[in-house]
Amino acid sequence: MLTLATGVQILTDPATGRGTLITPDTGVWTLNPTAVVALTELAGGGTVARTEEELARRWPTIPIASLRADLDALLGELQEAGAVIRQ
């Protein structure tokens, strides 16, 4: 299970769907709408599989393989940076 690390915050702009992820060590990530949905889902206790389902529901014209690859890349980068942890 992946979750946000302690102290990580996600701020979103409802008008644009974009967001910002802020880590306790002053790291700041600019998030596109897809990343906002993915991280909000995880922050709410969702699983990676549930996150994939939500992305596919919101962007049905994008092939699931592309959504999955993008999600894996995002989570890999954030895990490497310590913003997302595997429990």
PDB file of N, CA and C in Angstrom:
ATOM      1  N   MET A   1       0.841  -1.180   0.000  1.00  0.00           N
ATOM      2  CA  MET A   1       0.000   0.000   0.000  1.00  0.00           C
ATOM      3  C   MET A   1       0.881   1.237   0.000  1.00  0.00           C
ATOM      4  N   LEU A   2       0.548   2.200  -0.820  1.00  0.00           N
ATOM      5  CA  LEU A   2       1.262   3.473  -0.871  1.00  0.00           C
ATOM      6  C   LEU A   2       0.433   4.550  -0.188  1.00  0.00           C
ATOM      7  N   THR A   3       1.100   5.404   0.570  1.00  0.00           N
ATOM      8  CA  THR A   3       0.426   6.534   1.205  1.00  0.00           C
ATOM      9  C   THR A   3       1.342   7.743   1.124  1.00  0.00           C
ATOM     10  N   LEU A   4       0.771   8.904   1.383  1.00  0.00           N
ATOM     11  CA  LEU A   4       1.585  10.111   1.447  1.00  0.00           C
ATOM     12  C   LEU A   4       2.395  10.076   2.739  1.00  0.00           C
ATOM     13  N   ALA A   5       3.623  10.542   2.676  1.00  0.00           N
ATOM     14  CA  ALA A   5       4.472  10.605   3.852  1.00  0.00           C
ATOM     15  C   ALA A   5       3.916  11.618   4.848  1.00  0.00           C
ATOM     16  N   THR A   6       4.259  11.459   6.099  1.00  0.00           N
ATOM     17  CA  THR A   6       3.819  12.374   7.138  1.00  0.00           C
ATOM     18  C   THR A   6       4.245  13.799   6.804  1.00  0.00           C
ATOM     19  N   GLY A   7       3.312  14.716   6.921  1.00  0.00           N
ATOM     20  CA  GLY A   7       3.599  16.125   6.689  1.00  0.00           C
ATOM     21  C   GLY A   7       3.453  16.592   5.258  1.00  0.00           C
ATOM     22  N   VAL A   8       3.220  15.681   4.332  1.00  0.00           N
ATOM     23  CA  VAL A   8       3.039  16.067   2.932  1.00  0.00           C
ATOM     24  C   VAL A   8       1.647  16.667   2.777  1.00  0.00           C
ATOM     25  N   GLN A   9       1.569  17.780   2.077  1.00  0.00           N
ATOM     26  CA  GLN A   9       0.296  18.458   1.848  1.00  0.00           C
ATOM     27  C   GLN A   9       0.042  18.582   0.352  1.00  0.00           C
ATOM     28  N   ILE A  10      -1.229  18.474  -0.011  1.00  0.00           N
ATOM     29  CA  ILE A  10      -1.638  18.701  -1.396  1.00  0.00           C
ATOM     30  C   ILE A  10      -2.605  19.876  -1.393  1.00  0.00           C
ATOM     31  N   LEU A  11      -2.269  20.890  -2.159  1.00  0.00           N
ATOM     32  CA  LEU A  11      -3.138  22.052  -2.323  1.00  0.00           C
ATOM     33  C   LEU A  11      -3.638  22.026  -3.758  1.00  0.00           C
ATOM     34  N   THR A  12      -4.937  22.251  -3.945  1.00  0.00           N
ATOM     35  CA  THR A  12      -5.485  22.207  -5.298  1.00  0.00           C
ATOM     36  C   THR A  12      -6.206  23.501  -5.646  1.00  0.00           C
ATOM     37  N   ASP A  13      -6.224  23.771  -6.936  1.00  0.00           N
ATOM     38  CA  ASP A  13      -6.961  24.915  -7.467  1.00  0.00           C
ATOM     39  C   ASP A  13      -8.169  24.359  -8.206  1.00  0.00           C
ATOM     40  N   PRO A  14      -9.362  24.473  -7.612  1.00  0.00           N
ATOM     41  CA  PRO A  14     -10.543  23.900  -8.249  1.00  0.00           C
ATOM     42  C   PRO A  14     -10.837  24.464  -9.639  1.00  0.00           C
ATOM     43  N   ALA A  15     -10.423  25.677  -9.893  1.00  0.00           N
ATOM     44  CA  ALA A  15     -10.700  26.304 -11.190  1.00  0.00           C
ATOM     45  C   ALA A  15      -9.903  25.653 -12.315  1.00  0.00           C
ATOM     46  N   THR A  16      -8.657  25.257 -12.031  1.00  0.00           N
ATOM     47  CA  THR A  16      -7.807  24.696 -13.077  1.00  0.00           C
ATOM     48  C   THR A  16      -7.606  23.192 -12.951  1.00  0.00           C
ATOM     49  N   GLY A  17      -7.852  22.646 -11.763  1.00  0.00           N
ATOM     50  CA  GLY A  17      -7.592  21.228 -11.527  1.00  0.00           C
ATOM     51  C   GLY A  17      -6.137  20.947 -11.212  1.00  0.00           C
ATOM     52  N   ARG A  18      -5.301  21.965 -11.271  1.00  0.00           N
ATOM     53  CA  ARG A  18      -3.875  21.792 -10.966  1.00  0.00           C
ATOM     54  C   ARG A  18      -3.662  21.864  -9.465  1.00  0.00           C
ATOM     55  N   GLY A  19      -2.489  21.446  -9.040  1.00  0.00           N
ATOM     56  CA  GLY A  19      -2.216  21.464  -7.612  1.00  0.00           C
ATOM     57  C   GLY A  19      -0.745  21.592  -7.312  1.00  0.00           C
ATOM     58  N   THR A  20      -0.461  21.620  -6.025  1.00  0.00           N
ATOM     59  CA  THR A  20       0.905  21.694  -5.527  1.00  0.00           C
ATOM     60  C   THR A  20       1.053  20.681  -4.412  1.00  0.00           C
ATOM     61  N   LEU A  21       2.119  19.935  -4.431  1.00  0.00           N
ATOM     62  CA  LEU A  21       2.455  19.010  -3.363  1.00  0.00           C
ATOM     63  C   LEU A  21       3.628  19.622  -2.615  1.00  0.00           C
ATOM     64  N   ILE A  22       3.481  19.735  -1.309  1.00  0.00           N
ATOM     65  CA  ILE A  22       4.524  20.348  -0.481  1.00  0.00           C
ATOM     66  C   ILE A  22       4.995  19.313   0.525  1.00  0.00           C
ATOM     67  N   THR A  23       6.319  19.125   0.595  1.00  0.00           N
ATOM     68  CA  THR A  23       6.890  18.178   1.544  1.00  0.00           C
ATOM     69  C   THR A  23       7.491  18.931   2.731  1.00  0.00           C
ATOM     70  N   PRO A  24       7.632  18.257   3.872  1.00  0.00           N
ATOM     71  CA  PRO A  24       8.155  18.916   5.064  1.00  0.00           C
ATOM     72  C   PRO A  24       9.551  19.520   4.876  1.00  0.00           C
ATOM     73  N   ASP A  25      10.331  18.954   3.982  1.00  0.00           N
ATOM     74  CA  ASP A  25      11.691  19.471   3.764  1.00  0.00           C
ATOM     75  C   ASP A  25      11.707  20.586   2.719  1.00  0.00           C
ATOM     76  N   THR A  26      10.588  21.262   2.554  1.00  0.00           N
ATOM     77  CA  THR A  26      10.388  22.389   1.639  1.00  0.00           C
ATOM     78  C   THR A  26      10.417  22.004   0.159  1.00  0.00           C
ATOM     79  N   GLY A  27      10.234  20.742  -0.136  1.00  0.00           N
ATOM     80  CA  GLY A  27      10.104  20.344  -1.528  1.00  0.00           C
ATOM     81  C   GLY A  27       8.743  20.758  -2.046  1.00  0.00           C
ATOM     82  N   VAL A  28       8.715  21.257  -3.265  1.00  0.00           N
ATOM     83  CA  VAL A  28       7.458  21.694  -3.870  1.00  0.00           C
ATOM     84  C   VAL A  28       7.358  21.071  -5.262  1.00  0.00           C
ATOM     85  N   TRP A  29       6.233  20.431  -5.523  1.00  0.00           N
ATOM     86  CA  TRP A  29       5.975  19.800  -6.808  1.00  0.00           C
ATOM     87  C   TRP A  29       4.715  20.435  -7.400  1.00  0.00           C
ATOM     88  N   THR A  30       4.767  20.821  -8.649  1.00  0.00           N
ATOM     89  CA  THR A  30       3.591  21.308  -9.351  1.00  0.00           C
ATOM     90  C   THR A  30       2.913  20.097  -9.975  1.00  0.00           C
ATOM     91  N   LEU A  31       1.612  19.960  -9.737  1.00  0.00           N
ATOM     92  CA  LEU A  31       0.873  18.782 -10.179  1.00  0.00           C
ATOM     93  C   LEU A  31      -0.130  19.132 -11.269  1.00  0.00           C
ATOM     94  N   ASN A  32      -0.172  18.302 -12.297  1.00  0.00           N
ATOM     95  CA  ASN A  32      -1.218  18.466 -13.307  1.00  0.00           C
ATOM     96  C   ASN A  32      -2.498  17.818 -12.768  1.00  0.00           C
ATOM     97  N   PRO A  33      -3.623  18.007 -13.441  1.00  0.00           N
ATOM     98  CA  PRO A  33      -4.883  17.462 -12.923  1.00  0.00           C
ATOM     99  C   PRO A  33      -4.864  15.948 -12.696  1.00  0.00           C
ATOM    100  N   THR A  34      -4.172  15.213 -13.531  1.00  0.00           N
ATOM    101  CA  THR A  34      -4.094  13.762 -13.360  1.00  0.00           C
ATOM    102  C   THR A  34      -3.366  13.413 -12.064  1.00  0.00           C
ATOM    103  N   ALA A  35      -2.259  14.083 -11.801  1.00  0.00           N
ATOM    104  CA  ALA A  35      -1.506  13.829 -10.581  1.00  0.00           C
ATOM    105  C   ALA A  35      -2.310  14.222  -9.344  1.00  0.00           C
ATOM    106  N   VAL A  36      -3.075  15.301  -9.445  1.00  0.00           N
ATOM    107  CA  VAL A  36      -3.921  15.718  -8.318  1.00  0.00           C
ATOM    108  C   VAL A  36      -4.929  14.619  -7.993  1.00  0.00           C
ATOM    109  N   VAL A  37      -5.590  14.083  -9.005  1.00  0.00           N
ATOM    110  CA  VAL A  37      -6.569  13.013  -8.784  1.00  0.00           C
ATOM    111  C   VAL A  37      -5.880  11.800  -8.158  1.00  0.00           C
ATOM    112  N   ALA A  38      -4.746  11.402  -8.706  1.00  0.00           N
ATOM    113  CA  ALA A  38      -4.040  10.224  -8.200  1.00  0.00           C
ATOM    114  C   ALA A  38      -3.631  10.406  -6.739  1.00  0.00           C
ATOM    115  N   LEU A  39      -3.034  11.518  -6.412  1.00  0.00           N
ATOM    116  CA  LEU A  39      -2.546  11.715  -5.048  1.00  0.00           C
ATOM    117  C   LEU A  39      -3.672  11.965  -4.059  1.00  0.00           C
ATOM    118  N   THR A  40      -4.729  12.604  -4.503  1.00  0.00           N
ATOM    119  CA  THR A  40      -5.886  12.799  -3.628  1.00  0.00           C
ATOM    120  C   THR A  40      -6.524  11.454  -3.306  1.00  0.00           C
ATOM    121  N   GLU A  41      -6.578  10.593  -4.293  1.00  0.00           N
ATOM    122  CA  GLU A  41      -7.129   9.248  -4.086  1.00  0.00           C
ATOM    123  C   GLU A  41      -6.278   8.480  -3.066  1.00  0.00           C
ATOM    124  N   LEU A  42      -4.970   8.527  -3.223  1.00  0.00           N
ATOM    125  CA  LEU A  42      -4.086   7.836  -2.275  1.00  0.00           C
ATOM    126  C   LEU A  42      -4.166   8.452  -0.880  1.00  0.00           C
ATOM    127  N   ALA A  43      -4.223   9.774  -0.823  1.00  0.00           N
ATOM    128  CA  ALA A  43      -4.299  10.461   0.474  1.00  0.00           C
ATOM    129  C   ALA A  43      -5.580  10.091   1.209  1.00  0.00           C
ATOM    130  N   GLY A  44      -6.619   9.765   0.466  1.00  0.00           N
ATOM    131  CA  GLY A  44      -7.885   9.372   1.058  1.00  0.00           C
ATOM    132  C   GLY A  44      -7.954   7.900   1.412  1.00  0.00           C
ATOM    133  N   GLY A  45      -6.835   7.205   1.310  1.00  0.00           N
ATOM    134  CA  GLY A  45      -6.797   5.792   1.668  1.00  0.00           C
ATOM    135  C   GLY A  45      -7.018   4.846   0.509  1.00  0.00           C
ATOM    136  N   GLY A  46      -7.110   5.383  -0.706  1.00  0.00           N
ATOM    137  CA  GLY A  46      -7.316   4.537  -1.870  1.00  0.00           C
ATOM    138  C   GLY A  46      -6.072   3.734  -2.229  1.00  0.00           C
ATOM    139  N   THR A  47      -6.290   2.665  -2.943  1.00  0.00           N
ATOM    140  CA  THR A  47      -5.196   1.822  -3.405  1.00  0.00           C
ATOM    141  C   THR A  47      -4.726   2.282  -4.782  1.00  0.00           C
ATOM    142  N   VAL A  48      -3.605   1.755  -5.221  1.00  0.00           N
ATOM    143  CA  VAL A  48      -3.121   2.079  -6.565  1.00  0.00           C
ATOM    144  C   VAL A  48      -4.125   1.578  -7.603  1.00  0.00           C
ATOM    145  N   ALA A  49      -4.697   0.399  -7.380  1.00  0.00           N
ATOM    146  CA  ALA A  49      -5.692  -0.141  -8.314  1.00  0.00           C
ATOM    147  C   ALA A  49      -6.917   0.766  -8.377  1.00  0.00           C
ATOM    148  N   ARG A  50      -7.373   1.242  -7.237  1.00  0.00           N
ATOM    149  CA  ARG A  50      -8.530   2.151  -7.196  1.00  0.00           C
ATOM    150  C   ARG A  50      -8.183   3.465  -7.890  1.00  0.00           C
ATOM    151  N   THR A  51      -6.957   3.922  -7.723  1.00  0.00           N
ATOM    152  CA  THR A  51      -6.511   5.151  -8.377  1.00  0.00           C
ATOM    153  C   THR A  51      -6.524   4.980  -9.886  1.00  0.00           C
ATOM    154  N   GLU A  52      -6.060   3.845 -10.376  1.00  0.00           N
ATOM    155  CA  GLU A  52      -6.104   3.564 -11.819  1.00  0.00           C
ATOM    156  C   GLU A  52      -7.540   3.596 -12.331  1.00  0.00           C
ATOM    157  N   GLU A  53      -8.456   3.002 -11.572  1.00  0.00           N
ATOM    158  CA  GLU A  53      -9.863   2.994 -11.966  1.00  0.00           C
ATOM    159  C   GLU A  53     -10.421   4.421 -12.050  1.00  0.00           C
ATOM    160  N   GLU A  54     -10.075   5.244 -11.074  1.00  0.00           N
ATOM    161  CA  GLU A  54     -10.569   6.619 -11.057  1.00  0.00           C
ATOM    162  C   GLU A  54     -10.010   7.417 -12.236  1.00  0.00           C
ATOM    163  N   LEU A  55      -8.734   7.223 -12.532  1.00  0.00           N
ATOM    164  CA  LEU A  55      -8.136   7.914 -13.678  1.00  0.00           C
ATOM    165  C   LEU A  55      -8.820   7.482 -14.980  1.00  0.00           C
ATOM    166  N   ALA A  56      -9.069   6.189 -15.115  1.00  0.00           N
ATOM    167  CA  ALA A  56      -9.724   5.678 -16.327  1.00  0.00           C
ATOM    168  C   ALA A  56     -11.155   6.212 -16.438  1.00  0.00           C
ATOM    169  N   ARG A  57     -11.830   6.367 -15.316  1.00  0.00           N
ATOM    170  CA  ARG A  57     -13.188   6.900 -15.337  1.00  0.00           C
ATOM    171  C   ARG A  57     -13.189   8.367 -15.771  1.00  0.00           C
ATOM    172  N   ARG A  58     -12.224   9.129 -15.292  1.00  0.00           N
ATOM    173  CA  ARG A  58     -12.186  10.564 -15.607  1.00  0.00           C
ATOM    174  C   ARG A  58     -11.641  10.859 -16.998  1.00  0.00           C
ATOM    175  N   TRP A  59     -10.737  10.019 -17.480  1.00  0.00           N
ATOM    176  CA  TRP A  59     -10.135  10.226 -18.802  1.00  0.00           C
ATOM    177  C   TRP A  59     -10.316   8.960 -19.639  1.00  0.00           C
ATOM    178  N   PRO A  60     -11.566   8.670 -20.050  1.00  0.00           N
ATOM    179  CA  PRO A  60     -11.849   7.406 -20.735  1.00  0.00           C
ATOM    180  C   PRO A  60     -11.220   7.273 -22.120  1.00  0.00           C
ATOM    181  N   THR A  61     -10.786   8.369 -22.724  1.00  0.00           N
ATOM    182  CA  THR A  61     -10.204   8.272 -24.071  1.00  0.00           C
ATOM    183  C   THR A  61      -8.709   7.947 -24.033  1.00  0.00           C
ATOM    184  N   ILE A  62      -8.113   7.970 -22.861  1.00  0.00           N
ATOM    185  CA  ILE A  62      -6.689   7.656 -22.742  1.00  0.00           C
ATOM    186  C   ILE A  62      -6.552   6.168 -22.447  1.00  0.00           C
ATOM    187  N   PRO A  63      -5.728   5.458 -23.203  1.00  0.00           N
ATOM    188  CA  PRO A  63      -5.558   4.018 -22.976  1.00  0.00           C
ATOM    189  C   PRO A  63      -5.093   3.744 -21.546  1.00  0.00           C
ATOM    190  N   ILE A  64      -5.655   2.695 -20.952  1.00  0.00           N
ATOM    191  CA  ILE A  64      -5.332   2.346 -19.571  1.00  0.00           C
ATOM    192  C   ILE A  64      -3.829   2.095 -19.402  1.00  0.00           C
ATOM    193  N   ALA A  65      -3.189   1.557 -20.429  1.00  0.00           N
ATOM    194  CA  ALA A  65      -1.740   1.307 -20.334  1.00  0.00           C
ATOM    195  C   ALA A  65      -0.973   2.617 -20.177  1.00  0.00           C
ATOM    196  N   SER A  66      -1.428   3.662 -20.857  1.00  0.00           N
ATOM    197  CA  SER A  66      -0.780   4.973 -20.724  1.00  0.00           C
ATOM    198  C   SER A  66      -1.022   5.561 -19.346  1.00  0.00           C
ATOM    199  N   LEU A  67      -2.258   5.461 -18.860  1.00  0.00           N
ATOM    200  CA  LEU A  67      -2.563   5.954 -17.513  1.00  0.00           C
ATOM    201  C   LEU A  67      -1.729   5.224 -16.463  1.00  0.00           C
ATOM    202  N   ARG A  68      -1.639   3.912 -16.612  1.00  0.00           N
ATOM    203  CA  ARG A  68      -0.881   3.093 -15.655  1.00  0.00           C
ATOM    204  C   ARG A  68       0.600   3.456 -15.688  1.00  0.00           C
ATOM    205  N   ALA A  69       1.162   3.647 -16.882  1.00  0.00           N
ATOM    206  CA  ALA A  69       2.581   3.998 -17.011  1.00  0.00           C
ATOM    207  C   ALA A  69       2.852   5.369 -16.389  1.00  0.00           C
ATOM    208  N   ASP A  70       1.964   6.324 -16.646  1.00  0.00           N
ATOM    209  CA  ASP A  70       2.132   7.657 -16.065  1.00  0.00           C
ATOM    210  C   ASP A  70       2.018   7.608 -14.545  1.00  0.00           C
ATOM    211  N   LEU A  71       1.057   6.837 -14.031  1.00  0.00           N
ATOM    212  CA  LEU A  71       0.885   6.708 -12.587  1.00  0.00           C
ATOM    213  C   LEU A  71       2.111   6.052 -11.962  1.00  0.00           C
ATOM    214  N   ASP A  72       2.605   4.995 -12.582  1.00  0.00           N
ATOM    215  CA  ASP A  72       3.802   4.327 -12.063  1.00  0.00           C
ATOM    216  C   ASP A  72       4.999   5.275 -12.032  1.00  0.00           C
ATOM    217  N   ALA A  73       5.157   6.073 -13.081  1.00  0.00           N
ATOM    218  CA  ALA A  73       6.275   7.027 -13.133  1.00  0.00           C
ATOM    219  C   ALA A  73       6.136   8.081 -12.033  1.00  0.00           C
ATOM    220  N   LEU A  74       4.934   8.634 -11.881  1.00  0.00           N
ATOM    221  CA  LEU A  74       4.693   9.638 -10.841  1.00  0.00           C
ATOM    222  C   LEU A  74       4.975   9.071  -9.457  1.00  0.00           C
ATOM    223  N   LEU A  75       4.403   7.920  -9.158  1.00  0.00           N
ATOM    224  CA  LEU A  75       4.584   7.339  -7.833  1.00  0.00           C
ATOM    225  C   LEU A  75       6.028   6.935  -7.586  1.00  0.00           C
ATOM    226  N   GLY A  76       6.714   6.474  -8.624  1.00  0.00           N
ATOM    227  CA  GLY A  76       8.131   6.128  -8.484  1.00  0.00           C
ATOM    228  C   GLY A  76       8.968   7.349  -8.134  1.00  0.00           C
ATOM    229  N   GLU A  77       8.735   8.456  -8.818  1.00  0.00           N
ATOM    230  CA  GLU A  77       9.471   9.696  -8.532  1.00  0.00           C
ATOM    231  C   GLU A  77       9.186  10.202  -7.124  1.00  0.00           C
ATOM    232  N   LEU A  78       7.920  10.174  -6.743  1.00  0.00           N
ATOM    233  CA  LEU A  78       7.551  10.667  -5.417  1.00  0.00           C
ATOM    234  C   LEU A  78       8.039   9.737  -4.307  1.00  0.00           C
ATOM    235  N   GLN A  79       8.060   8.453  -4.587  1.00  0.00           N
ATOM    236  CA  GLN A  79       8.584   7.502  -3.601  1.00  0.00           C
ATOM    237  C   GLN A  79      10.088   7.714  -3.427  1.00  0.00           C
ATOM    238  N   GLU A  80      10.783   7.904  -4.527  1.00  0.00           N
ATOM    239  CA  GLU A  80      12.219   8.165  -4.478  1.00  0.00           C
ATOM    240  C   GLU A  80      12.530   9.445  -3.687  1.00  0.00           C
ATOM    241  N   ALA A  81      11.653  10.440  -3.801  1.00  0.00           N
ATOM    242  CA  ALA A  81      11.835  11.709  -3.103  1.00  0.00           C
ATOM    243  C   ALA A  81      11.365  11.638  -1.653  1.00  0.00           C
ATOM    244  N   GLY A  82      10.724  10.534  -1.269  1.00  0.00           N
ATOM    245  CA  GLY A  82      10.256  10.384   0.097  1.00  0.00           C
ATOM    246  C   GLY A  82       8.897  11.001   0.373  1.00  0.00           C
ATOM    247  N   ALA A  83       8.195  11.456  -0.665  1.00  0.00           N
ATOM    248  CA  ALA A  83       6.875  12.069  -0.488  1.00  0.00           C
ATOM    249  C   ALA A  83       5.780  11.010  -0.409  1.00  0.00           C
ATOM    250  N   VAL A  84       6.030   9.842  -0.973  1.00  0.00           N
ATOM    251  CA  VAL A  84       5.105   8.720  -0.937  1.00  0.00           C
ATOM    252  C   VAL A  84       5.857   7.535  -0.347  1.00  0.00           C
ATOM    253  N   ILE A  85       5.215   6.818   0.552  1.00  0.00           N
ATOM    254  CA  ILE A  85       5.883   5.667   1.183  1.00  0.00           C
ATOM    255  C   ILE A  85       5.056   4.403   0.985  1.00  0.00           C
ATOM    256  N   ARG A  86       5.757   3.296   0.928  1.00  0.00           N
ATOM    257  CA  ARG A  86       5.097   1.993   0.821  1.00  0.00           C
ATOM    258  C   ARG A  86       4.959   1.424   2.227  1.00  0.00           C
ATOM    259  N   GLN A  87       3.741   1.040   2.578  1.00  0.00           N
ATOM    260  CA  GLN A  87       3.501   0.495   3.916  1.00  0.00           C
ATOM    261  C   GLN A  87       3.163  -0.966   3.846  1.00  0.00           C
TER     262      GLN A  87
END
